[in-house]
Amino acid sequence: MKFCRECNNILYPKEEKDRRVLLYACRNCEHQEVADNNCVYRNEVHHAAVERTQVLQDVAADPTLPRNKDVRCAACGHDEAVFFQATARGEEGMTLFFVCCNLSCGIRWTD
């Protein structure tokens, strides 16, 4: 985050289209400065395997998701699962996912 040298307010990214230059400009005064880097903001999110598992367990406890008692978990044998549709990695279209409702299991599978 950059601050104005004149009034100490936040500088916001601004494009100067004529020269094709990225600037930081103050919205309070007329101060502008050329950006030293063209990357305005970068957010990298790294998930651990434990975090992904927790998300799946939270999905199994979600009362708003539909439940199916006609499927059996291959890992623990529990006979109830929640299901939802989402896009699978690297695939087009929607995939039907099931998550075991046994909170100590929480395994996910597709049909």
PDB file of N, CA and C in Angstrom:
ATOM      1  N   MET A   1       0.850  -1.163   0.000  1.00  0.00           N
ATOM      2  CA  MET A   1       0.000   0.000   0.000  1.00  0.00           C
ATOM      3  C   MET A   1       0.899   1.230   0.000  1.00  0.00           C
ATOM      4  N   LYS A   2       0.560   2.156  -0.858  1.00  0.00           N
ATOM      5  CA  LYS A   2       1.362   3.378  -0.989  1.00  0.00           C
ATOM      6  C   LYS A   2       0.565   4.570  -0.467  1.00  0.00           C
ATOM      7  N   PHE A   3       1.308   5.573   0.032  1.00  0.00           N
ATOM      8  CA  PHE A   3       0.680   6.763   0.587  1.00  0.00           C
ATOM      9  C   PHE A   3       1.219   8.013  -0.091  1.00  0.00           C
ATOM     10  N   CYS A   4       0.380   9.016  -0.166  1.00  0.00           N
ATOM     11  CA  CYS A   4       0.706  10.285  -0.815  1.00  0.00           C
ATOM     12  C   CYS A   4       1.776  11.029  -0.014  1.00  0.00           C
ATOM     13  N   ARG A   5       2.770  11.577  -0.720  1.00  0.00           N
ATOM     14  CA  ARG A   5       3.832  12.353  -0.085  1.00  0.00           C
ATOM     15  C   ARG A   5       3.338  13.724   0.367  1.00  0.00           C
ATOM     16  N   GLU A   6       2.253  14.191  -0.259  1.00  0.00           N
ATOM     17  CA  GLU A   6       1.742  15.527   0.037  1.00  0.00           C
ATOM     18  C   GLU A   6       0.787  15.530   1.235  1.00  0.00           C
ATOM     19  N   CYS A   7      -0.179  14.592   1.246  1.00  0.00           N
ATOM     20  CA  CYS A   7      -1.224  14.650   2.276  1.00  0.00           C
ATOM     21  C   CYS A   7      -1.386  13.347   3.076  1.00  0.00           C
ATOM     22  N   ASN A   8      -0.557  12.335   2.808  1.00  0.00           N
ATOM     23  CA  ASN A   8      -0.553  11.052   3.532  1.00  0.00           C
ATOM     24  C   ASN A   8      -1.819  10.214   3.360  1.00  0.00           C
ATOM     25  N   ASN A   9      -2.611  10.478   2.328  1.00  0.00           N
ATOM     26  CA  ASN A   9      -3.752   9.623   2.017  1.00  0.00           C
ATOM     27  C   ASN A   9      -3.291   8.463   1.139  1.00  0.00           C
ATOM     28  N   ILE A  10      -4.142   7.465   0.975  1.00  0.00           N
ATOM     29  CA  ILE A  10      -3.800   6.284   0.174  1.00  0.00           C
ATOM     30  C   ILE A  10      -3.715   6.661  -1.301  1.00  0.00           C
ATOM     31  N   LEU A  11      -2.712   6.109  -1.984  1.00  0.00           N
ATOM     32  CA  LEU A  11      -2.595   6.264  -3.434  1.00  0.00           C
ATOM     33  C   LEU A  11      -3.286   5.081  -4.097  1.00  0.00           C
ATOM     34  N   TYR A  12      -4.087   5.366  -5.108  1.00  0.00           N
ATOM     35  CA  TYR A  12      -4.835   4.344  -5.818  1.00  0.00           C
ATOM     36  C   TYR A  12      -4.246   4.145  -7.210  1.00  0.00           C
ATOM     37  N   PRO A  13      -4.249   2.910  -7.724  1.00  0.00           N
ATOM     38  CA  PRO A  13      -3.746   2.678  -9.075  1.00  0.00           C
ATOM     39  C   PRO A  13      -4.607   3.391 -10.113  1.00  0.00           C
ATOM     40  N   LYS A  14      -3.934   3.914 -11.120  1.00  0.00           N
ATOM     41  CA  LYS A  14      -4.612   4.640 -12.193  1.00  0.00           C
ATOM     42  C   LYS A  14      -3.833   4.408 -13.474  1.00  0.00           C
ATOM     43  N   GLU A  15      -4.543   4.191 -14.564  1.00  0.00           N
ATOM     44  CA  GLU A  15      -3.904   3.965 -15.861  1.00  0.00           C
ATOM     45  C   GLU A  15      -3.865   5.269 -16.648  1.00  0.00           C
ATOM     46  N   GLU A  16      -2.689   5.579 -17.181  1.00  0.00           N
ATOM     47  CA  GLU A  16      -2.595   6.697 -18.121  1.00  0.00           C
ATOM     48  C   GLU A  16      -2.572   6.079 -19.512  1.00  0.00           C
ATOM     49  N   LYS A  17      -3.718   6.114 -20.191  1.00  0.00           N
ATOM     50  CA  LYS A  17      -3.897   5.372 -21.439  1.00  0.00           C
ATOM     51  C   LYS A  17      -3.057   5.918 -22.588  1.00  0.00           C
ATOM     52  N   ASP A  18      -2.797   7.219 -22.595  1.00  0.00           N
ATOM     53  CA  ASP A  18      -2.019   7.799 -23.684  1.00  0.00           C
ATOM     54  C   ASP A  18      -0.604   7.225 -23.724  1.00  0.00           C
ATOM     55  N   ARG A  19       0.023   7.162 -22.580  1.00  0.00           N
ATOM     56  CA  ARG A  19       1.410   6.668 -22.507  1.00  0.00           C
ATOM     57  C   ARG A  19       1.494   5.188 -22.136  1.00  0.00           C
ATOM     58  N   ARG A  20       0.330   4.564 -21.835  1.00  0.00           N
ATOM     59  CA  ARG A  20       0.285   3.170 -21.390  1.00  0.00           C
ATOM     60  C   ARG A  20       1.188   2.948 -20.188  1.00  0.00           C
ATOM     61  N   VAL A  21       0.932   3.758 -19.146  1.00  0.00           N
ATOM     62  CA  VAL A  21       1.734   3.725 -17.921  1.00  0.00           C
ATOM     63  C   VAL A  21       0.794   3.557 -16.730  1.00  0.00           C
ATOM     64  N   LEU A  22       1.237   2.792 -15.766  1.00  0.00           N
ATOM     65  CA  LEU A  22       0.492   2.641 -14.527  1.00  0.00           C
ATOM     66  C   LEU A  22       0.978   3.687 -13.538  1.00  0.00           C
ATOM     67  N   LEU A  23       0.027   4.428 -12.979  1.00  0.00           N
ATOM     68  CA  LEU A  23       0.342   5.474 -12.006  1.00  0.00           C
ATOM     69  C   LEU A  23      -0.347   5.160 -10.692  1.00  0.00           C
ATOM     70  N   TYR A  24       0.170   5.762  -9.624  1.00  0.00           N
ATOM     71  CA  TYR A  24      -0.533   5.800  -8.351  1.00  0.00           C
ATOM     72  C   TYR A  24      -0.936   7.245  -8.130  1.00  0.00           C
ATOM     73  N   ALA A  25      -2.241   7.471  -7.916  1.00  0.00           N
ATOM     74  CA  ALA A  25      -2.755   8.832  -7.808  1.00  0.00           C
ATOM     75  C   ALA A  25      -3.496   9.008  -6.489  1.00  0.00           C
ATOM     76  N   CYS A  26      -3.375  10.194  -5.936  1.00  0.00           N
ATOM     77  CA  CYS A  26      -4.090  10.566  -4.717  1.00  0.00           C
ATOM     78  C   CYS A  26      -5.459  11.109  -5.104  1.00  0.00           C
ATOM     79  N   ARG A  27      -6.485  10.712  -4.389  1.00  0.00           N
ATOM     80  CA  ARG A  27      -7.833  11.196  -4.663  1.00  0.00           C
ATOM     81  C   ARG A  27      -8.146  12.479  -3.894  1.00  0.00           C
ATOM     82  N   ASN A  28      -7.232  12.872  -3.009  1.00  0.00           N
ATOM     83  CA  ASN A  28      -7.444  14.066  -2.205  1.00  0.00           C
ATOM     84  C   ASN A  28      -6.740  15.287  -2.803  1.00  0.00           C
ATOM     85  N   CYS A  29      -5.532  15.093  -3.299  1.00  0.00           N
ATOM     86  CA  CYS A  29      -4.782  16.184  -3.927  1.00  0.00           C
ATOM     87  C   CYS A  29      -4.395  15.749  -5.347  1.00  0.00           C
ATOM     88  N   GLU A  30      -3.563  16.478  -6.016  1.00  0.00           N
ATOM     89  CA  GLU A  30      -3.206  16.192  -7.407  1.00  0.00           C
ATOM     90  C   GLU A  30      -1.948  15.339  -7.554  1.00  0.00           C
ATOM     91  N   HIS A  31      -1.421  14.824  -6.457  1.00  0.00           N
ATOM     92  CA  HIS A  31      -0.163  14.075  -6.506  1.00  0.00           C
ATOM     93  C   HIS A  31      -0.338  12.755  -7.265  1.00  0.00           C
ATOM     94  N   GLN A  32       0.640  12.469  -8.162  1.00  0.00           N
ATOM     95  CA  GLN A  32       0.699  11.206  -8.900  1.00  0.00           C
ATOM     96  C   GLN A  32       2.143  10.780  -8.980  1.00  0.00           C
ATOM     97  N   GLU A  33       2.350   9.459  -9.023  1.00  0.00           N
ATOM     98  CA  GLU A  33       3.704   8.943  -9.233  1.00  0.00           C
ATOM     99  C   GLU A  33       3.627   7.684 -10.076  1.00  0.00           C
ATOM    100  N   VAL A  34       4.665   7.465 -10.863  1.00  0.00           N
ATOM    101  CA  VAL A  34       4.722   6.299 -11.738  1.00  0.00           C
ATOM    102  C   VAL A  34       4.969   5.061 -10.884  1.00  0.00           C
ATOM    103  N   ALA A  35       4.236   3.990 -11.172  1.00  0.00           N
ATOM    104  CA  ALA A  35       4.392   2.741 -10.426  1.00  0.00           C
ATOM    105  C   ALA A  35       5.720   2.096 -10.789  1.00  0.00           C
ATOM    106  N   ASP A  36       6.400   1.572  -9.792  1.00  0.00           N
ATOM    107  CA  ASP A  36       7.676   0.894 -10.027  1.00  0.00           C
ATOM    108  C   ASP A  36       7.481  -0.568 -10.431  1.00  0.00           C
ATOM    109  N   ASN A  37       6.245  -1.071 -10.280  1.00  0.00           N
ATOM    110  CA  ASN A  37       5.940  -2.455 -10.617  1.00  0.00           C
ATOM    111  C   ASN A  37       4.529  -2.488 -11.201  1.00  0.00           C
ATOM    112  N   ASN A  38       4.305  -3.257 -12.241  1.00  0.00           N
ATOM    113  CA  ASN A  38       2.990  -3.319 -12.876  1.00  0.00           C
ATOM    114  C   ASN A  38       2.014  -4.228 -12.145  1.00  0.00           C
ATOM    115  N   CYS A  39       2.454  -4.921 -11.130  1.00  0.00           N
ATOM    116  CA  CYS A  39       1.573  -5.789 -10.355  1.00  0.00           C
ATOM    117  C   CYS A  39       0.922  -4.943  -9.263  1.00  0.00           C
ATOM    118  N   VAL A  40      -0.383  -4.726  -9.375  1.00  0.00           N
ATOM    119  CA  VAL A  40      -1.101  -3.906  -8.404  1.00  0.00           C
ATOM    120  C   VAL A  40      -1.385  -4.712  -7.150  1.00  0.00           C
ATOM    121  N   TYR A  41      -1.872  -5.940  -7.295  1.00  0.00           N
ATOM    122  CA  TYR A  41      -2.221  -6.763  -6.148  1.00  0.00           C
ATOM    123  C   TYR A  41      -2.113  -8.225  -6.552  1.00  0.00           C
ATOM    124  N   ARG A  42      -1.532  -9.006  -5.685  1.00  0.00           N
ATOM    125  CA  ARG A  42      -1.410 -10.430  -5.958  1.00  0.00           C
ATOM    126  C   ARG A  42      -1.725 -11.182  -4.681  1.00  0.00           C
ATOM    127  N   ASN A  43      -2.648 -12.134  -4.770  1.00  0.00           N
ATOM    128  CA  ASN A  43      -3.067 -12.909  -3.618  1.00  0.00           C
ATOM    129  C   ASN A  43      -2.869 -14.384  -3.936  1.00  0.00           C
ATOM    130  N   GLU A  44      -1.954 -15.019  -3.234  1.00  0.00           N
ATOM    131  CA  GLU A  44      -1.708 -16.439  -3.428  1.00  0.00           C
ATOM    132  C   GLU A  44      -2.260 -17.189  -2.235  1.00  0.00           C
ATOM    133  N   VAL A  45      -3.132 -18.155  -2.507  1.00  0.00           N
ATOM    134  CA  VAL A  45      -3.729 -18.947  -1.450  1.00  0.00           C
ATOM    135  C   VAL A  45      -3.200 -20.366  -1.564  1.00  0.00           C
ATOM    136  N   HIS A  46      -2.635 -20.841  -0.478  1.00  0.00           N
ATOM    137  CA  HIS A  46      -2.126 -22.213  -0.425  1.00  0.00           C
ATOM    138  C   HIS A  46      -2.929 -22.956   0.634  1.00  0.00           C
ATOM    139  N   HIS A  47      -3.542 -24.081   0.227  1.00  0.00           N
ATOM    140  CA  HIS A  47      -4.342 -24.865   1.153  1.00  0.00           C
ATOM    141  C   HIS A  47      -3.583 -26.115   1.557  1.00  0.00           C
ATOM    142  N   ALA A  48      -3.658 -26.424   2.823  1.00  0.00           N
ATOM    143  CA  ALA A  48      -3.105 -27.679   3.320  1.00  0.00           C
ATOM    144  C   ALA A  48      -4.183 -28.751   3.195  1.00  0.00           C
ATOM    145  N   ALA A  49      -3.778 -30.016   3.172  1.00  0.00           N
ATOM    146  CA  ALA A  49      -4.731 -31.112   3.052  1.00  0.00           C
ATOM    147  C   ALA A  49      -5.716 -31.118   4.211  1.00  0.00           C
ATOM    148  N   VAL A  50      -5.281 -30.713   5.394  1.00  0.00           N
ATOM    149  CA  VAL A  50      -6.156 -30.676   6.558  1.00  0.00           C
ATOM    150  C   VAL A  50      -7.277 -29.666   6.354  1.00  0.00           C
ATOM    151  N   GLU A  51      -6.979 -28.513   5.749  1.00  0.00           N
ATOM    152  CA  GLU A  51      -8.002 -27.505   5.501  1.00  0.00           C
ATOM    153  C   GLU A  51      -9.060 -28.028   4.541  1.00  0.00           C
ATOM    154  N   ARG A  52      -8.669 -28.740   3.511  1.00  0.00           N
ATOM    155  CA  ARG A  52      -9.626 -29.287   2.552  1.00  0.00           C
ATOM    156  C   ARG A  52     -10.517 -30.316   3.218  1.00  0.00           C
ATOM    157  N   THR A  53      -9.935 -31.144   4.100  1.00  0.00           N
ATOM    158  CA  THR A  53     -10.717 -32.147   4.812  1.00  0.00           C
ATOM    159  C   THR A  53     -11.751 -31.469   5.694  1.00  0.00           C
ATOM    160  N   GLN A  54     -11.393 -30.398   6.363  1.00  0.00           N
ATOM    161  CA  GLN A  54     -12.318 -29.681   7.237  1.00  0.00           C
ATOM    162  C   GLN A  54     -13.492 -29.121   6.433  1.00  0.00           C
ATOM    163  N   VAL A  55     -13.215 -28.611   5.252  1.00  0.00           N
ATOM    164  CA  VAL A  55     -14.291 -28.090   4.405  1.00  0.00           C
ATOM    165  C   VAL A  55     -15.277 -29.201   4.075  1.00  0.00           C
ATOM    166  N   LEU A  56     -14.782 -30.384   3.753  1.00  0.00           N
ATOM    167  CA  LEU A  56     -15.670 -31.498   3.432  1.00  0.00           C
ATOM    168  C   LEU A  56     -16.509 -31.898   4.638  1.00  0.00           C
ATOM    169  N   GLN A  57     -15.933 -31.890   5.836  1.00  0.00           N
ATOM    170  CA  GLN A  57     -16.699 -32.232   7.029  1.00  0.00           C
ATOM    171  C   GLN A  57     -17.763 -31.173   7.287  1.00  0.00           C
ATOM    172  N   ASP A  58     -17.442 -29.920   7.033  1.00  0.00           N
ATOM    173  CA  ASP A  58     -18.431 -28.865   7.186  1.00  0.00           C
ATOM    174  C   ASP A  58     -19.580 -29.054   6.203  1.00  0.00           C
ATOM    175  N   VAL A  59     -19.278 -29.505   5.005  1.00  0.00           N
ATOM    176  CA  VAL A  59     -20.312 -29.757   4.001  1.00  0.00           C
ATOM    177  C   VAL A  59     -21.249 -30.849   4.495  1.00  0.00           C
ATOM    178  N   ALA A  60     -20.725 -31.889   5.111  1.00  0.00           N
ATOM    179  CA  ALA A  60     -21.549 -32.998   5.600  1.00  0.00           C
ATOM    180  C   ALA A  60     -22.493 -32.544   6.710  1.00  0.00           C
ATOM    181  N   ALA A  61     -22.127 -31.525   7.465  1.00  0.00           N
ATOM    182  CA  ALA A  61     -22.969 -31.037   8.560  1.00  0.00           C
ATOM    183  C   ALA A  61     -23.924 -29.929   8.117  1.00  0.00           C
ATOM    184  N   ASP A  62     -23.872 -29.526   6.857  1.00  0.00           N
ATOM    185  CA  ASP A  62     -24.702 -28.428   6.363  1.00  0.00           C
ATOM    186  C   ASP A  62     -26.168 -28.904   6.228  1.00  0.00           C
ATOM    187  N   PRO A  63     -27.078 -28.329   7.008  1.00  0.00           N
ATOM    188  CA  PRO A  63     -28.477 -28.797   6.947  1.00  0.00           C
ATOM    189  C   PRO A  63     -29.222 -28.353   5.691  1.00  0.00           C
ATOM    190  N   THR A  64     -28.654 -27.434   4.928  1.00  0.00           N
ATOM    191  CA  THR A  64     -29.343 -26.952   3.731  1.00  0.00           C
ATOM    192  C   THR A  64     -29.080 -27.820   2.505  1.00  0.00           C
ATOM    193  N   LEU A  65     -28.090 -28.692   2.556  1.00  0.00           N
ATOM    194  CA  LEU A  65     -27.793 -29.565   1.410  1.00  0.00           C
ATOM    195  C   LEU A  65     -28.696 -30.788   1.435  1.00  0.00           C
ATOM    196  N   PRO A  66     -29.075 -31.281   0.246  1.00  0.00           N
ATOM    197  CA  PRO A  66     -29.918 -32.477   0.197  1.00  0.00           C
ATOM    198  C   PRO A  66     -29.142 -33.711   0.657  1.00  0.00           C
ATOM    199  N   ARG A  67     -29.871 -34.647   1.250  1.00  0.00           N
ATOM    200  CA  ARG A  67     -29.264 -35.882   1.759  1.00  0.00           C
ATOM    201  C   ARG A  67     -29.841 -37.079   1.025  1.00  0.00           C
ATOM    202  N   ASN A  68     -29.021 -38.126   0.932  1.00  0.00           N
ATOM    203  CA  ASN A  68     -29.430 -39.347   0.258  1.00  0.00           C
ATOM    204  C   ASN A  68     -29.122 -40.513   1.187  1.00  0.00           C
ATOM    205  N   LYS A  69     -30.153 -41.328   1.482  1.00  0.00           N
ATOM    206  CA  LYS A  69     -29.949 -42.494   2.344  1.00  0.00           C
ATOM    207  C   LYS A  69     -29.873 -43.784   1.534  1.00  0.00           C
ATOM    208  N   ASP A  70     -29.815 -43.656   0.208  1.00  0.00           N
ATOM    209  CA  ASP A  70     -29.743 -44.830  -0.657  1.00  0.00           C
ATOM    210  C   ASP A  70     -28.327 -45.143  -1.108  1.00  0.00           C
ATOM    211  N   VAL A  71     -27.340 -44.413  -0.592  1.00  0.00           N
ATOM    212  CA  VAL A  71     -25.943 -44.677  -0.960  1.00  0.00           C
ATOM    213  C   VAL A  71     -25.195 -45.157   0.278  1.00  0.00           C
ATOM    214  N   ARG A  72     -24.150 -45.930   0.054  1.00  0.00           N
ATOM    215  CA  ARG A  72     -23.346 -46.437   1.170  1.00  0.00           C
ATOM    216  C   ARG A  72     -21.900 -46.012   0.951  1.00  0.00           C
ATOM    217  N   CYS A  73     -21.305 -45.451   1.998  1.00  0.00           N
ATOM    218  CA  CYS A  73     -19.912 -45.023   1.935  1.00  0.00           C
ATOM    219  C   CYS A  73     -19.012 -46.252   1.844  1.00  0.00           C
ATOM    220  N   ALA A  74     -18.131 -46.265   0.858  1.00  0.00           N
ATOM    221  CA  ALA A  74     -17.229 -47.401   0.672  1.00  0.00           C
ATOM    222  C   ALA A  74     -16.158 -47.453   1.756  1.00  0.00           C
ATOM    223  N   ALA A  75     -15.867 -46.328   2.403  1.00  0.00           N
ATOM    224  CA  ALA A  75     -14.804 -46.301   3.409  1.00  0.00           C
ATOM    225  C   ALA A  75     -15.285 -46.775   4.780  1.00  0.00           C
ATOM    226  N   CYS A  76     -16.473 -46.285   5.217  1.00  0.00           N
ATOM    227  CA  CYS A  76     -16.915 -46.609   6.581  1.00  0.00           C
ATOM    228  C   CYS A  76     -18.238 -47.363   6.628  1.00  0.00           C
ATOM    229  N   GLY A  77     -18.957 -47.469   5.511  1.00  0.00           N
ATOM    230  CA  GLY A  77     -20.212 -48.194   5.466  1.00  0.00           C
ATOM    231  C   GLY A  77     -21.430 -47.397   5.908  1.00  0.00           C
ATOM    232  N   HIS A  78     -21.252 -46.129   6.227  1.00  0.00           N
ATOM    233  CA  HIS A  78     -22.380 -45.286   6.647  1.00  0.00           C
ATOM    234  C   HIS A  78     -23.364 -45.151   5.492  1.00  0.00           C
ATOM    235  N   ASP A  79     -24.662 -45.107   5.811  1.00  0.00           N
ATOM    236  CA  ASP A  79     -25.682 -45.138   4.759  1.00  0.00           C
ATOM    237  C   ASP A  79     -26.339 -43.787   4.489  1.00  0.00           C
ATOM    238  N   GLU A  80     -25.662 -42.696   4.779  1.00  0.00           N
ATOM    239  CA  GLU A  80     -26.219 -41.377   4.492  1.00  0.00           C
ATOM    240  C   GLU A  80     -25.104 -40.469   3.969  1.00  0.00           C
ATOM    241  N   ALA A  81     -25.435 -39.689   2.940  1.00  0.00           N
ATOM    242  CA  ALA A  81     -24.467 -38.754   2.355  1.00  0.00           C
ATOM    243  C   ALA A  81     -25.195 -37.511   1.873  1.00  0.00           C
ATOM    244  N   VAL A  82     -24.527 -36.386   1.935  1.00  0.00           N
ATOM    245  CA  VAL A  82     -25.044 -35.178   1.295  1.00  0.00           C
ATOM    246  C   VAL A  82     -24.506 -35.171  -0.128  1.00  0.00           C
ATOM    247  N   PHE A  83     -25.199 -34.475  -1.017  1.00  0.00           N
ATOM    248  CA  PHE A  83     -24.708 -34.403  -2.388  1.00  0.00           C
ATOM    249  C   PHE A  83     -24.894 -33.002  -2.931  1.00  0.00           C
ATOM    250  N   PHE A  84     -24.011 -32.652  -3.871  1.00  0.00           N
ATOM    251  CA  PHE A  84     -24.059 -31.339  -4.512  1.00  0.00           C
ATOM    252  C   PHE A  84     -23.382 -31.455  -5.860  1.00  0.00           C
ATOM    253  N   GLN A  85     -23.653 -30.489  -6.734  1.00  0.00           N
ATOM    254  CA  GLN A  85     -23.016 -30.448  -8.045  1.00  0.00           C
ATOM    255  C   GLN A  85     -21.979 -29.345  -8.074  1.00  0.00           C
ATOM    256  N   ALA A  86     -20.858 -29.632  -8.700  1.00  0.00           N
ATOM    257  CA  ALA A  86     -19.792 -28.641  -8.879  1.00  0.00           C
ATOM    258  C   ALA A  86     -18.971 -29.060 -10.087  1.00  0.00           C
ATOM    259  N   THR A  87     -18.121 -28.152 -10.550  1.00  0.00           N
ATOM    260  CA  THR A  87     -17.227 -28.503 -11.648  1.00  0.00           C
ATOM    261  C   THR A  87     -16.014 -29.213 -11.070  1.00  0.00           C
ATOM    262  N   ALA A  88     -15.637 -30.306 -11.677  1.00  0.00           N
ATOM    263  CA  ALA A  88     -14.454 -31.044 -11.255  1.00  0.00           C
ATOM    264  C   ALA A  88     -13.232 -30.428 -11.906  1.00  0.00           C
ATOM    265  N   ARG A  89     -12.076 -30.575 -11.276  1.00  0.00           N
ATOM    266  CA  ARG A  89     -10.840 -30.014 -11.818  1.00  0.00           C
ATOM    267  C   ARG A  89     -10.546 -30.572 -13.200  1.00  0.00           C
ATOM    268  N   GLY A  90     -10.274 -29.679 -14.124  1.00  0.00           N
ATOM    269  CA  GLY A  90      -9.869 -30.077 -15.461  1.00  0.00           C
ATOM    270  C   GLY A  90     -10.990 -30.627 -16.322  1.00  0.00           C
ATOM    271  N   GLU A  91     -12.218 -30.590 -15.833  1.00  0.00           N
ATOM    272  CA  GLU A  91     -13.329 -31.127 -16.616  1.00  0.00           C
ATOM    273  C   GLU A  91     -14.328 -30.019 -16.912  1.00  0.00           C
ATOM    274  N   GLU A  92     -15.029 -30.179 -18.002  1.00  0.00           N
ATOM    275  CA  GLU A  92     -16.121 -29.265 -18.321  1.00  0.00           C
ATOM    276  C   GLU A  92     -17.412 -29.870 -17.816  1.00  0.00           C
ATOM    277  N   GLY A  93     -18.397 -29.044 -17.564  1.00  0.00           N
ATOM    278  CA  GLY A  93     -19.679 -29.540 -17.087  1.00  0.00           C
ATOM    279  C   GLY A  93     -19.680 -29.759 -15.590  1.00  0.00           C
ATOM    280  N   MET A  94     -20.807 -30.256 -15.116  1.00  0.00           N
ATOM    281  CA  MET A  94     -21.008 -30.443 -13.689  1.00  0.00           C
ATOM    282  C   MET A  94     -20.813 -31.904 -13.312  1.00  0.00           C
ATOM    283  N   THR A  95     -20.316 -32.113 -12.092  1.00  0.00           N
ATOM    284  CA  THR A  95     -20.120 -33.445 -11.539  1.00  0.00           C
ATOM    285  C   THR A  95     -20.919 -33.544 -10.250  1.00  0.00           C
ATOM    286  N   LEU A  96     -21.548 -34.679  -9.998  1.00  0.00           N
ATOM    287  CA  LEU A  96     -22.301 -34.911  -8.777  1.00  0.00           C
ATOM    288  C   LEU A  96     -21.350 -35.472  -7.717  1.00  0.00           C
ATOM    289  N   PHE A  97     -21.187 -34.732  -6.622  1.00  0.00           N
ATOM    290  CA  PHE A  97     -20.316 -35.144  -5.531  1.00  0.00           C
ATOM    291  C   PHE A  97     -21.154 -35.612  -4.358  1.00  0.00           C
ATOM    292  N   PHE A  98     -20.677 -36.650  -3.687  1.00  0.00           N
ATOM    293  CA  PHE A  98     -21.274 -37.130  -2.445  1.00  0.00           C
ATOM    294  C   PHE A  98     -20.241 -36.973  -1.337  1.00  0.00           C
ATOM    295  N   VAL A  99     -20.718 -36.631  -0.129  1.00  0.00           N
ATOM    296  CA  VAL A  99     -19.846 -36.537   1.044  1.00  0.00           C
ATOM    297  C   VAL A  99     -20.511 -37.343   2.151  1.00  0.00           C
ATOM    298  N   CYS A 100     -19.765 -38.265   2.733  1.00  0.00           N
ATOM    299  CA  CYS A 100     -20.272 -39.111   3.800  1.00  0.00           C
ATOM    300  C   CYS A 100     -20.680 -38.259   4.996  1.00  0.00           C
ATOM    301  N   CYS A 101     -21.855 -38.551   5.581  1.00  0.00           N
ATOM    302  CA  CYS A 101     -22.362 -37.785   6.730  1.00  0.00           C
ATOM    303  C   CYS A 101     -21.785 -38.261   8.058  1.00  0.00           C
ATOM    304  N   ASN A 102     -21.040 -39.342   8.052  1.00  0.00           N
ATOM    305  CA  ASN A 102     -20.352 -39.783   9.264  1.00  0.00           C
ATOM    306  C   ASN A 102     -19.234 -38.773   9.524  1.00  0.00           C
ATOM    307  N   LEU A 103     -19.366 -37.979  10.590  1.00  0.00           N
ATOM    308  CA  LEU A 103     -18.427 -36.878  10.831  1.00  0.00           C
ATOM    309  C   LEU A 103     -17.001 -37.354  11.066  1.00  0.00           C
ATOM    310  N   SER A 104     -16.816 -38.612  11.478  1.00  0.00           N
ATOM    311  CA  SER A 104     -15.450 -39.114  11.644  1.00  0.00           C
ATOM    312  C   SER A 104     -14.860 -39.598  10.324  1.00  0.00           C
ATOM    313  N   CYS A 105     -15.681 -39.707   9.281  1.00  0.00           N
ATOM    314  CA  CYS A 105     -15.213 -40.149   7.960  1.00  0.00           C
ATOM    315  C   CYS A 105     -15.092 -38.949   7.019  1.00  0.00           C
ATOM    316  N   GLY A 106     -16.238 -38.442   6.542  1.00  0.00           N
ATOM    317  CA  GLY A 106     -16.246 -37.249   5.676  1.00  0.00           C
ATOM    318  C   GLY A 106     -15.635 -37.430   4.310  1.00  0.00           C
ATOM    319  N   ILE A 107     -15.508 -38.688   3.840  1.00  0.00           N
ATOM    320  CA  ILE A 107     -14.886 -38.915   2.535  1.00  0.00           C
ATOM    321  C   ILE A 107     -15.802 -38.435   1.423  1.00  0.00           C
ATOM    322  N   ARG A 108     -15.207 -37.982   0.321  1.00  0.00           N
ATOM    323  CA  ARG A 108     -15.957 -37.481  -0.834  1.00  0.00           C
ATOM    324  C   ARG A 108     -15.769 -38.429  -2.011  1.00  0.00           C
ATOM    325  N   TRP A 109     -16.831 -38.638  -2.766  1.00  0.00           N
ATOM    326  CA  TRP A 109     -16.729 -39.447  -3.974  1.00  0.00           C
ATOM    327  C   TRP A 109     -17.717 -38.921  -5.015  1.00  0.00           C
ATOM    328  N   THR A 110     -17.526 -39.378  -6.244  1.00  0.00           N
ATOM    329  CA  THR A 110     -18.417 -38.980  -7.339  1.00  0.00           C
ATOM    330  C   THR A 110     -19.193 -40.203  -7.797  1.00  0.00           C
ATOM    331  N   ASP A 111     -20.329 -39.936  -8.417  1.00  0.00           N
ATOM    332  CA  ASP A 111     -21.163 -41.024  -8.904  1.00  0.00           C
ATOM    333  C   ASP A 111     -20.891 -41.270 -10.367  1.00  0.00           C
TER     334      ASP A 111
END
